[in-house]
Amino acid sequence: MVKTNKTNDLDRLHDSVMQHDHANAGKVTPPNNALIQRQGGNQVSIGQYNERLILSLLRTGGGLTKAELARRTSLTAQTITVIVNRLETRGLVIAGDKQRGQVGQPRTPYHLNPHGVVTIGIKIGRRQLDYLAMGFDGSILARETFRLGHPLPKDIMGKLAETLPNFVANLPDNLRQNLIGFGVAMPNDLSSWETIIGVESGALAGWDDIDICAEIEAITGYSAQVMNDVTAACLAELNFGIGNQYRDFLYIYVGSLIGGGLVLDHQLQIGRRGYAAALGPMALSVSQGSNADAAPDMLLDKASLITLENGFAEAGLDRGITCRDNVFTGAYQDIFQSWLDEASNTIAFSIINSAAILELDAVIIDAAIAPENLSHLIDAIKIKLTEYRKEGLYMPDILEGTRGYDARVLGGAFLPISTHYAADNSRLVKEQL
């Protein structure tokens, strides 16, 4: 149990070692029960954790006064003052307008400084390359999108080398000076999706030999991290969406290929190898034989946007409309409705089976389609769920995600912030096995 000794001597000792904690960023890991309770402690050994916890609270809670921070962390007012003043001096937090009209002295809320830390997210998708410069508070500072036919290694790496330095150079000086690194969101094992994506055999094999982080570091001179694209989307929902209101939730993202993410005890789970809650490969029925042709369909076969796009293409329609902010009408609506019936049923199936394994507060569903189209999908999923048996299950709330198409690149941009400033980033690192 984390102790909360509130003596002045210990508070002064805490203050005296904060500089030491800063110099050893990333080396202090708080006790597990501290993470569960989301409370701070006055021991000097977790000084850095207390600082990061305050930053996390300001990110999810908006403007908070020192008194509110003290109540939420169980830290003393003196310790909170020391930490907040130091964060303000470093340019990481800024004071808002004083709150007047209440009993006592006016109170000052504190916010994250949007320009105090800057990161750049990169999303490598099936047919788009996205850049997004993000402020410390999650604000979007700049963005750029490039459309591609397919995510061919040579094309992607060439486009990165050609355009990424200019994207950085075009940032205002004050933003570029506070840039701390890059986060890449891209599918795991991209080379294995050739058949589903629709490219010739071997076209994506080059990804197996590319160290994307090393390549970006060579191009820009900044460090980079990489995460599965849907896991990154889940990270964005956890930090910038409704996910921060739920302790345990399953995240489903309907992109070109449907995928999932998992949050337990407010912490993103990626698994030792980065494959936790992949969801897309979930089998939709039991095997009926050893013949590979008889293998059960996967969720990604029925509920991915690439299946919808193929339906549009077969009807002679524009398959690229799915990644635009358009409501489907006319012939598009008819094909969308056919896809919707099957996708909603298979997603409901995956939710029922997930609920049989995990006790979840919520399932949050987002997609790379217009919000109105997503609302239709979620309504259909809720209807399909009524057709399944639920004895012995706790059924979670079914909710609409808030980040939409930007979820993946926002999650990528948040990766460097997670590493340097999140209260706990231990679960964001997969083991090198």
Protein backbone atom coordinates (compact mmCIF):
# COMPACT_ATOMS: atom_id res chain seq x y z
CA MET A 1 0.00 0.00 0.00
CA VAL A 2 1.30 3.46 -0.86
CA LYS A 3 1.74 5.47 2.32
CA THR A 4 0.62 9.08 2.50
CA ASN A 5 2.84 10.47 5.25
CA LYS A 6 2.07 14.17 5.29
CA THR A 7 4.78 15.55 7.52
CA ASN A 8 6.39 18.80 6.48
CA ASP A 9 9.86 17.29 6.72
CA LEU A 10 8.98 14.60 4.20
CA ASP A 11 7.37 17.14 1.91
CA ARG A 12 10.58 19.19 1.97
CA LEU A 13 12.59 16.06 1.27
CA HIS A 14 10.28 15.28 -1.65
CA ASP A 15 10.90 18.75 -3.06
CA SER A 16 14.66 18.40 -2.72
CA VAL A 17 14.86 15.26 -4.80
CA MET A 18 12.48 16.25 -7.61
CA GLN A 19 15.41 17.39 -9.74
CA HIS A 20 16.97 13.97 -9.27
CA ASP A 21 13.72 12.33 -10.37
CA HIS A 22 13.61 14.49 -13.51
CA ALA A 23 17.16 13.51 -14.42
CA ASN A 24 16.19 9.84 -14.21
CA ALA A 25 13.02 10.00 -16.30
CA GLY A 26 11.47 6.63 -16.97
CA LYS A 27 13.44 4.78 -14.27
CA VAL A 28 10.89 5.00 -11.45
CA THR A 29 8.00 2.53 -11.50
CA PRO A 30 5.25 3.10 -8.93
CA PRO A 31 3.78 0.20 -6.98
CA ASN A 32 0.92 -1.53 -8.81
CA ASN A 33 -1.62 -0.59 -6.18
CA ALA A 34 -0.75 3.08 -6.67
CA LEU A 35 -1.77 2.74 -10.30
CA ILE A 36 -5.02 1.01 -9.40
CA GLN A 37 -6.01 3.70 -6.92
CA ARG A 38 -4.71 6.53 -9.13
CA GLN A 39 -3.36 8.22 -6.00
CA GLY A 40 -0.03 9.85 -5.40
CA GLY A 41 2.33 9.26 -2.52
CA ASN A 42 4.72 11.50 -0.69
CA GLN A 43 7.68 9.09 -0.74
CA VAL A 44 10.66 10.51 -2.55
CA SER A 45 10.95 7.35 -4.64
CA ILE A 46 7.80 8.18 -6.58
CA GLY A 47 8.31 11.89 -7.06
CA GLN A 48 8.35 11.55 -10.81
CA TYR A 49 5.18 9.47 -10.74
CA ASN A 50 3.42 12.24 -8.79
CA GLU A 51 4.48 14.77 -11.42
CA ARG A 52 3.25 12.59 -14.25
CA LEU A 53 0.03 11.86 -12.42
CA ILE A 54 -0.73 15.56 -12.17
CA LEU A 55 -0.08 15.99 -15.90
CA SER A 56 -2.42 13.07 -16.64
CA LEU A 57 -5.15 14.55 -14.46
CA LEU A 58 -4.86 17.88 -16.21
CA ARG A 59 -5.09 16.11 -19.57
CA THR A 60 -8.30 14.25 -18.75
CA GLY A 61 -9.83 16.66 -16.24
CA GLY A 62 -9.29 20.01 -17.92
CA GLY A 63 -8.51 23.02 -15.76
CA LEU A 64 -7.92 21.98 -12.15
CA THR A 65 -6.88 24.09 -9.19
CA LYS A 66 -4.13 23.09 -6.80
CA ALA A 67 -6.77 22.27 -4.20
CA GLU A 68 -8.59 19.99 -6.64
CA LEU A 69 -5.33 18.26 -7.57
CA ALA A 70 -4.58 17.71 -3.89
CA ARG A 71 -7.99 16.09 -3.34
CA ARG A 72 -7.66 13.83 -6.38
CA THR A 73 -4.15 12.63 -5.55
CA SER A 74 -4.15 12.61 -1.72
CA LEU A 75 -0.97 14.67 -1.86
CA THR A 76 -0.47 17.56 0.54
CA ALA A 77 -1.15 21.11 -0.60
CA GLN A 78 2.53 21.92 -0.14
CA THR A 79 3.64 19.05 -2.37
CA ILE A 80 1.11 20.00 -5.05
CA THR A 81 2.31 23.60 -4.99
CA VAL A 82 5.95 22.50 -5.40
CA ILE A 83 5.13 20.23 -8.34
CA VAL A 84 2.74 22.60 -10.15
CA ASN A 85 5.13 25.54 -9.79
CA ARG A 86 7.95 23.47 -11.21
CA LEU A 87 5.81 22.28 -14.13
CA GLU A 88 4.81 25.88 -14.81
CA THR A 89 8.44 26.99 -14.77
CA ARG A 90 9.29 24.27 -17.29
CA GLY A 91 6.48 25.49 -19.56
CA LEU A 92 4.44 22.29 -19.29
CA VAL A 93 1.42 23.84 -17.56
CA ILE A 94 -0.11 27.31 -17.69
CA ALA A 95 -2.38 29.13 -15.28
CA GLY A 96 -5.87 29.99 -16.42
CA ASP A 97 -8.03 32.95 -15.43
CA LYS A 98 -8.78 33.18 -11.74
CA GLN A 99 -12.16 31.82 -10.66
CA ARG A 100 -14.03 34.55 -8.82
CA GLY A 101 -17.44 34.75 -7.20
CA GLN A 102 -16.80 31.95 -4.70
CA VAL A 103 -16.16 32.02 -0.97
CA GLY A 104 -12.54 32.78 -0.11
CA GLN A 105 -9.68 33.87 -2.34
CA PRO A 106 -9.98 33.53 -6.14
CA ARG A 107 -8.80 30.13 -7.33
CA THR A 108 -6.51 29.56 -10.29
CA PRO A 109 -7.12 26.57 -12.59
CA TYR A 110 -4.14 25.04 -14.36
CA HIS A 111 -4.05 23.56 -17.86
CA LEU A 112 -1.54 21.75 -20.00
CA ASN A 113 0.39 24.15 -22.18
CA PRO A 114 -0.57 23.16 -25.75
CA HIS A 115 2.80 24.34 -27.07
CA GLY A 116 4.88 23.10 -24.15
CA VAL A 117 5.44 19.72 -25.80
CA VAL A 118 4.94 18.88 -29.49
CA THR A 119 4.86 15.48 -31.15
CA ILE A 120 4.19 14.22 -34.65
CA GLY A 121 2.02 11.22 -35.43
CA ILE A 122 2.37 9.22 -38.63
CA LYS A 123 -0.29 6.79 -39.81
CA ILE A 124 0.61 4.31 -42.50
CA GLY A 125 -2.66 3.01 -43.89
CA ARG A 126 -3.82 0.91 -46.78
CA ARG A 127 -4.05 3.86 -49.15
CA GLN A 128 -3.14 6.95 -47.14
CA LEU A 129 -0.15 8.37 -45.33
CA ASP A 130 -1.11 10.89 -42.63
CA TYR A 131 1.01 13.34 -40.63
CA LEU A 132 -0.33 15.17 -37.60
CA ALA A 133 1.51 17.58 -35.29
CA MET A 134 -0.06 17.47 -31.84
CA GLY A 135 0.19 19.76 -28.84
CA PHE A 136 0.68 18.59 -25.25
CA ASP A 137 -3.08 18.80 -24.61
CA GLY A 138 -4.02 16.80 -27.71
CA SER A 139 -4.73 19.82 -29.90
CA ILE A 140 -4.02 19.46 -33.62
CA LEU A 141 -1.38 21.97 -34.68
CA ALA A 142 -0.76 20.90 -38.28
CA ARG A 143 -1.63 18.02 -40.57
CA GLU A 144 -1.01 16.66 -44.04
CA THR A 145 -2.38 13.68 -45.99
CA PHE A 146 -1.03 11.82 -49.01
CA ARG A 147 -3.15 9.35 -50.96
CA LEU A 148 -1.50 6.18 -52.22
CA GLY A 149 -2.67 3.25 -54.31
CA HIS A 150 -1.35 0.63 -51.88
CA PRO A 151 1.06 0.67 -48.91
CA LEU A 152 4.01 -0.52 -50.96
CA PRO A 153 7.27 -0.27 -48.97
CA LYS A 154 9.18 1.64 -51.64
CA ASP A 155 6.37 4.15 -52.13
CA ILE A 156 5.86 4.79 -48.43
CA MET A 157 9.53 5.15 -47.59
CA GLY A 158 10.07 7.40 -50.61
CA LYS A 159 7.17 9.64 -49.60
CA LEU A 160 8.43 9.83 -46.01
CA ALA A 161 11.92 10.86 -47.14
CA GLU A 162 10.48 13.41 -49.57
CA THR A 163 7.85 15.08 -47.38
CA LEU A 164 8.52 14.51 -43.67
CA PRO A 165 11.49 16.92 -43.33
CA ASN A 166 9.40 19.66 -44.95
CA PHE A 167 6.48 18.96 -42.61
CA VAL A 168 8.80 19.47 -39.63
CA ALA A 169 10.50 22.52 -41.15
CA ASN A 170 7.15 24.21 -41.79
CA LEU A 171 6.22 24.17 -38.12
CA PRO A 172 6.64 27.56 -36.38
CA ASP A 173 9.93 27.92 -34.54
CA ASN A 174 8.37 27.74 -31.06
CA LEU A 175 6.66 24.44 -31.93
CA ARG A 176 9.67 22.90 -33.63
CA GLN A 177 11.84 23.74 -30.61
CA ASN A 178 9.52 21.73 -28.37
CA LEU A 179 9.22 18.71 -30.65
CA ILE A 180 10.17 15.57 -28.70
CA GLY A 181 9.63 12.78 -31.24
CA PHE A 182 7.44 10.77 -33.59
CA GLY A 183 4.87 8.04 -33.10
CA VAL A 184 3.94 5.69 -35.94
CA ALA A 185 0.60 3.89 -36.17
CA MET A 186 0.56 1.06 -38.68
CA PRO A 187 -0.80 -2.51 -38.96
CA ASN A 188 1.17 -5.38 -37.47
CA ASP A 189 2.79 -7.72 -40.00
CA LEU A 190 1.75 -5.61 -42.98
CA SER A 191 3.38 -8.05 -45.37
CA SER A 192 0.91 -10.79 -44.42
CA TRP A 193 -2.16 -8.89 -45.68
CA GLU A 194 -1.40 -9.04 -49.42
CA THR A 195 -4.39 -11.21 -50.36
CA ILE A 196 -6.88 -9.21 -48.31
CA ILE A 197 -5.52 -5.84 -49.44
CA GLY A 198 -5.50 -6.98 -53.04
CA VAL A 199 -1.87 -6.71 -54.16
CA GLU A 200 0.28 -9.25 -55.94
CA SER A 201 2.23 -11.80 -53.95
CA GLY A 202 5.47 -10.40 -52.57
CA ALA A 203 4.50 -6.76 -53.09
CA LEU A 204 4.53 -6.06 -49.35
CA ALA A 205 7.35 -8.41 -48.39
CA GLY A 206 9.79 -5.52 -48.09
CA TRP A 207 8.12 -4.41 -44.86
CA ASP A 208 9.69 -7.39 -43.13
CA ASP A 209 13.12 -5.83 -43.56
CA ILE A 210 12.24 -2.23 -42.65
CA ASP A 211 12.87 -0.81 -39.20
CA ILE A 212 10.41 2.06 -39.51
CA CYS A 213 11.62 3.79 -36.34
CA ALA A 214 15.25 3.72 -37.45
CA GLU A 215 14.24 5.05 -40.87
CA ILE A 216 12.33 7.99 -39.39
CA GLU A 217 15.17 8.77 -37.01
CA ALA A 218 17.56 8.79 -39.98
CA ILE A 219 15.25 11.11 -41.96
CA THR A 220 14.45 13.58 -39.19
CA GLY A 221 17.03 13.20 -36.43
CA TYR A 222 14.25 12.62 -33.88
CA SER A 223 13.44 9.40 -32.04
CA ALA A 224 10.38 7.41 -33.11
CA GLN A 225 8.12 4.70 -31.72
CA VAL A 226 5.68 2.40 -33.46
CA MET A 227 2.40 0.80 -32.41
CA ASN A 228 -0.32 -1.22 -34.09
CA ASP A 229 -2.68 1.28 -35.71
CA VAL A 230 -5.87 0.16 -33.94
CA THR A 231 -4.11 -0.14 -30.59
CA ALA A 232 -2.98 3.45 -31.15
CA ALA A 233 -6.58 4.43 -31.90
CA CYS A 234 -7.59 2.86 -28.58
CA LEU A 235 -4.85 4.87 -26.85
CA ALA A 236 -6.31 8.06 -28.36
CA GLU A 237 -9.82 7.19 -27.17
CA LEU A 238 -8.49 6.44 -23.69
CA ASN A 239 -6.73 9.80 -23.38
CA PHE A 240 -8.83 12.15 -25.48
CA GLY A 241 -12.27 10.58 -25.69
CA ILE A 242 -14.91 8.90 -23.55
CA GLY A 243 -12.54 6.06 -22.75
CA ASN A 244 -11.14 7.93 -19.74
CA GLN A 245 -14.57 7.59 -18.08
CA TYR A 246 -14.39 3.77 -17.99
CA ARG A 247 -12.14 1.50 -16.00
CA ASP A 248 -12.35 -1.52 -18.35
CA PHE A 249 -13.41 -1.38 -21.98
CA LEU A 250 -13.03 -3.15 -25.30
CA TYR A 251 -12.33 -0.90 -28.26
CA ILE A 252 -13.39 -1.82 -31.79
CA TYR A 253 -12.20 0.16 -34.79
CA VAL A 254 -13.79 -0.47 -38.17
CA GLY A 255 -11.13 0.53 -40.64
CA SER A 256 -9.95 -1.03 -43.89
CA LEU A 257 -9.43 -4.07 -41.65
CA ILE A 258 -11.40 -4.20 -38.40
CA GLY A 259 -9.30 -4.45 -35.25
CA GLY A 260 -9.49 -4.03 -31.51
CA GLY A 261 -7.88 -2.67 -28.39
CA LEU A 262 -8.30 -3.41 -24.69
CA VAL A 263 -8.14 -1.22 -21.59
CA LEU A 264 -8.14 -2.79 -18.12
CA ASP A 265 -7.91 -0.76 -14.92
CA HIS A 266 -7.54 2.42 -17.03
CA GLN A 267 -4.40 0.99 -18.67
CA LEU A 268 -3.97 0.06 -22.33
CA GLN A 269 -3.03 -3.60 -22.79
CA ILE A 270 -0.87 -4.41 -25.80
CA GLY A 271 0.41 -7.87 -24.86
CA ARG A 272 3.99 -9.08 -24.63
CA ARG A 273 4.29 -9.14 -28.43
CA GLY A 274 1.82 -6.40 -29.34
CA TYR A 275 -1.10 -8.63 -30.38
CA ALA A 276 -3.53 -8.18 -27.47
CA ALA A 277 -7.20 -7.77 -28.48
CA ALA A 278 -6.44 -7.96 -32.22
CA LEU A 279 -10.09 -9.00 -32.68
CA GLY A 280 -10.06 -9.01 -36.50
CA PRO A 281 -8.77 -12.63 -36.72
CA MET A 282 -11.56 -13.89 -34.41
CA ALA A 283 -13.18 -16.99 -35.94
CA LEU A 284 -16.91 -16.65 -36.61
CA SER A 285 -17.78 -20.35 -36.34
CA VAL A 286 -16.28 -23.71 -35.36
CA SER A 287 -14.07 -25.60 -37.80
CA GLN A 288 -15.86 -28.18 -39.93
CA GLY A 289 -12.81 -30.05 -41.17
CA SER A 290 -9.10 -29.96 -41.87
CA ASN A 291 -9.48 -28.60 -45.40
CA ALA A 292 -8.12 -25.06 -45.48
CA ASP A 293 -10.96 -24.05 -47.80
CA ALA A 294 -13.40 -24.97 -45.05
CA ALA A 295 -11.73 -22.86 -42.38
CA PRO A 296 -14.16 -20.53 -40.62
CA ASP A 297 -14.39 -16.93 -41.72
CA MET A 298 -12.71 -14.31 -39.58
CA LEU A 299 -14.39 -11.18 -38.28
CA LEU A 300 -12.23 -9.10 -40.60
CA ASP A 301 -13.73 -10.92 -43.61
CA LYS A 302 -17.22 -9.66 -42.79
CA ALA A 303 -16.87 -6.40 -40.88
CA SER A 304 -13.96 -4.59 -42.52
CA LEU A 305 -14.43 -1.56 -44.71
CA ILE A 306 -12.46 -3.24 -47.47
CA THR A 307 -15.40 -5.63 -47.85
CA LEU A 308 -17.75 -2.66 -48.22
CA GLU A 309 -15.40 -1.05 -50.73
CA ASN A 310 -15.30 -4.24 -52.78
CA GLY A 311 -19.09 -4.14 -52.90
CA PHE A 312 -19.00 -0.59 -54.21
CA ALA A 313 -16.38 -1.50 -56.82
CA GLU A 314 -18.35 -4.53 -58.03
CA ALA A 315 -21.32 -2.23 -58.63
CA GLY A 316 -19.16 0.17 -60.63
CA LEU A 317 -19.13 2.78 -57.86
CA ASP A 318 -16.28 4.74 -56.30
CA ARG A 319 -14.71 2.48 -53.68
CA GLY A 320 -12.76 5.38 -52.18
CA ILE A 321 -15.89 7.06 -50.83
CA THR A 322 -15.68 5.14 -47.54
CA CYS A 323 -12.71 7.15 -46.26
CA ARG A 324 -14.40 10.46 -46.92
CA ASP A 325 -16.82 12.25 -44.64
CA ASN A 326 -19.86 11.37 -46.78
CA VAL A 327 -23.22 9.95 -45.79
CA PHE A 328 -24.08 7.04 -48.07
CA THR A 329 -27.07 7.67 -50.33
CA GLY A 330 -28.68 6.08 -53.39
CA ALA A 331 -26.88 3.01 -54.71
CA TYR A 332 -24.18 3.43 -52.06
CA GLN A 333 -26.80 3.23 -49.32
CA ASP A 334 -28.21 -0.05 -50.68
CA ILE A 335 -24.78 -1.71 -50.67
CA PHE A 336 -23.96 -0.17 -47.29
CA GLN A 337 -27.17 -1.62 -45.83
CA SER A 338 -26.28 -5.10 -47.09
CA TRP A 339 -22.80 -4.82 -45.56
CA LEU A 340 -24.28 -3.34 -42.39
CA ASP A 341 -26.53 -6.34 -41.78
CA GLU A 342 -23.62 -8.76 -41.87
CA ALA A 343 -21.06 -6.52 -40.18
CA SER A 344 -23.34 -5.66 -37.27
CA ASN A 345 -24.17 -9.31 -36.64
CA THR A 346 -20.55 -10.44 -36.66
CA ILE A 347 -19.44 -7.55 -34.45
CA ALA A 348 -22.25 -8.41 -32.02
CA PHE A 349 -20.96 -11.99 -32.06
CA SER A 350 -17.46 -10.77 -31.15
CA ILE A 351 -18.86 -8.63 -28.32
CA ILE A 352 -20.80 -11.56 -26.84
CA ASN A 353 -17.71 -13.77 -26.90
CA SER A 354 -15.53 -11.01 -25.44
CA ALA A 355 -18.04 -10.53 -22.62
CA ALA A 356 -17.73 -14.24 -21.86
CA ILE A 357 -14.01 -13.75 -21.18
CA LEU A 358 -13.79 -10.24 -19.77
CA GLU A 359 -16.05 -8.31 -17.42
CA LEU A 360 -16.21 -5.02 -19.31
CA ASP A 361 -17.78 -1.70 -18.43
CA ALA A 362 -18.14 -0.67 -22.04
CA VAL A 363 -17.46 -1.50 -25.67
CA ILE A 364 -16.47 1.61 -27.62
CA ILE A 365 -16.85 1.39 -31.39
CA ASP A 366 -15.33 3.85 -33.83
CA ALA A 367 -14.76 3.79 -37.57
CA ALA A 368 -13.16 5.52 -40.53
CA ILE A 369 -16.55 6.53 -41.92
CA ALA A 370 -18.87 9.50 -41.52
CA PRO A 371 -20.39 9.81 -38.02
CA GLU A 372 -23.92 9.26 -39.32
CA ASN A 373 -22.88 6.00 -40.97
CA LEU A 374 -21.18 4.94 -37.73
CA SER A 375 -24.35 5.69 -35.76
CA HIS A 376 -26.31 3.41 -38.10
CA LEU A 377 -23.76 0.64 -37.53
CA ILE A 378 -23.91 0.95 -33.74
CA ASP A 379 -27.72 0.98 -33.75
CA ALA A 380 -27.67 -2.20 -35.84
CA ILE A 381 -25.17 -3.86 -33.47
CA LYS A 382 -27.40 -3.11 -30.48
CA ILE A 383 -30.34 -4.73 -32.26
CA LYS A 384 -28.28 -7.80 -33.17
CA LEU A 385 -27.14 -8.16 -29.56
CA THR A 386 -30.74 -8.67 -28.49
CA GLU A 387 -30.79 -11.89 -30.53
CA TYR A 388 -28.01 -13.59 -28.55
CA ARG A 389 -28.34 -15.49 -25.28
CA LYS A 390 -26.81 -13.72 -22.31
CA GLU A 391 -27.21 -16.07 -19.37
CA GLY A 392 -24.20 -15.73 -17.06
CA LEU A 393 -22.88 -12.64 -18.85
CA TYR A 394 -22.43 -9.06 -17.70
CA MET A 395 -23.25 -6.98 -20.76
CA PRO A 396 -21.26 -3.77 -21.23
CA ASP A 397 -22.55 -0.45 -22.50
CA ILE A 398 -22.22 -0.06 -26.28
CA LEU A 399 -20.88 3.39 -27.08
CA GLU A 400 -19.83 5.44 -30.08
CA GLY A 401 -16.19 6.47 -30.28
CA THR A 402 -15.23 10.12 -30.52
CA ARG A 403 -12.05 10.33 -32.61
CA GLY A 404 -13.21 8.92 -35.95
CA TYR A 405 -10.74 8.88 -38.80
CA ASP A 406 -8.12 10.74 -36.73
CA ALA A 407 -8.04 8.12 -33.96
CA ARG A 408 -5.06 6.19 -35.28
CA VAL A 409 -2.76 9.11 -36.09
CA LEU A 410 -3.70 10.84 -32.80
CA GLY A 411 -2.75 7.69 -30.93
CA GLY A 412 0.53 7.60 -32.79
CA ALA A 413 1.23 11.21 -31.88
CA PHE A 414 0.51 10.45 -28.22
CA LEU A 415 3.15 7.71 -28.02
CA PRO A 416 6.12 10.01 -27.23
CA ILE A 417 4.02 11.84 -24.62
CA SER A 418 3.12 8.49 -23.07
CA THR A 419 6.77 7.56 -22.81
CA HIS A 420 7.97 10.82 -21.30
CA TYR A 421 4.99 12.15 -19.37
CA ALA A 422 2.29 9.53 -18.72
CA ALA A 423 1.75 8.29 -15.15
CA ASP A 424 2.34 4.72 -16.32
CA ASN A 425 3.69 3.60 -19.66
CA SER A 426 4.86 0.11 -18.71
CA ARG A 427 2.09 -1.57 -20.67
CA LEU A 428 2.93 0.30 -23.88
CA VAL A 429 6.19 -1.58 -24.34
CA LYS A 430 6.12 -5.01 -25.92
CA GLU A 431 8.84 -7.45 -25.05
CA GLN A 432 11.58 -8.22 -27.55
CA LEU A 433 11.16 -12.00 -27.78
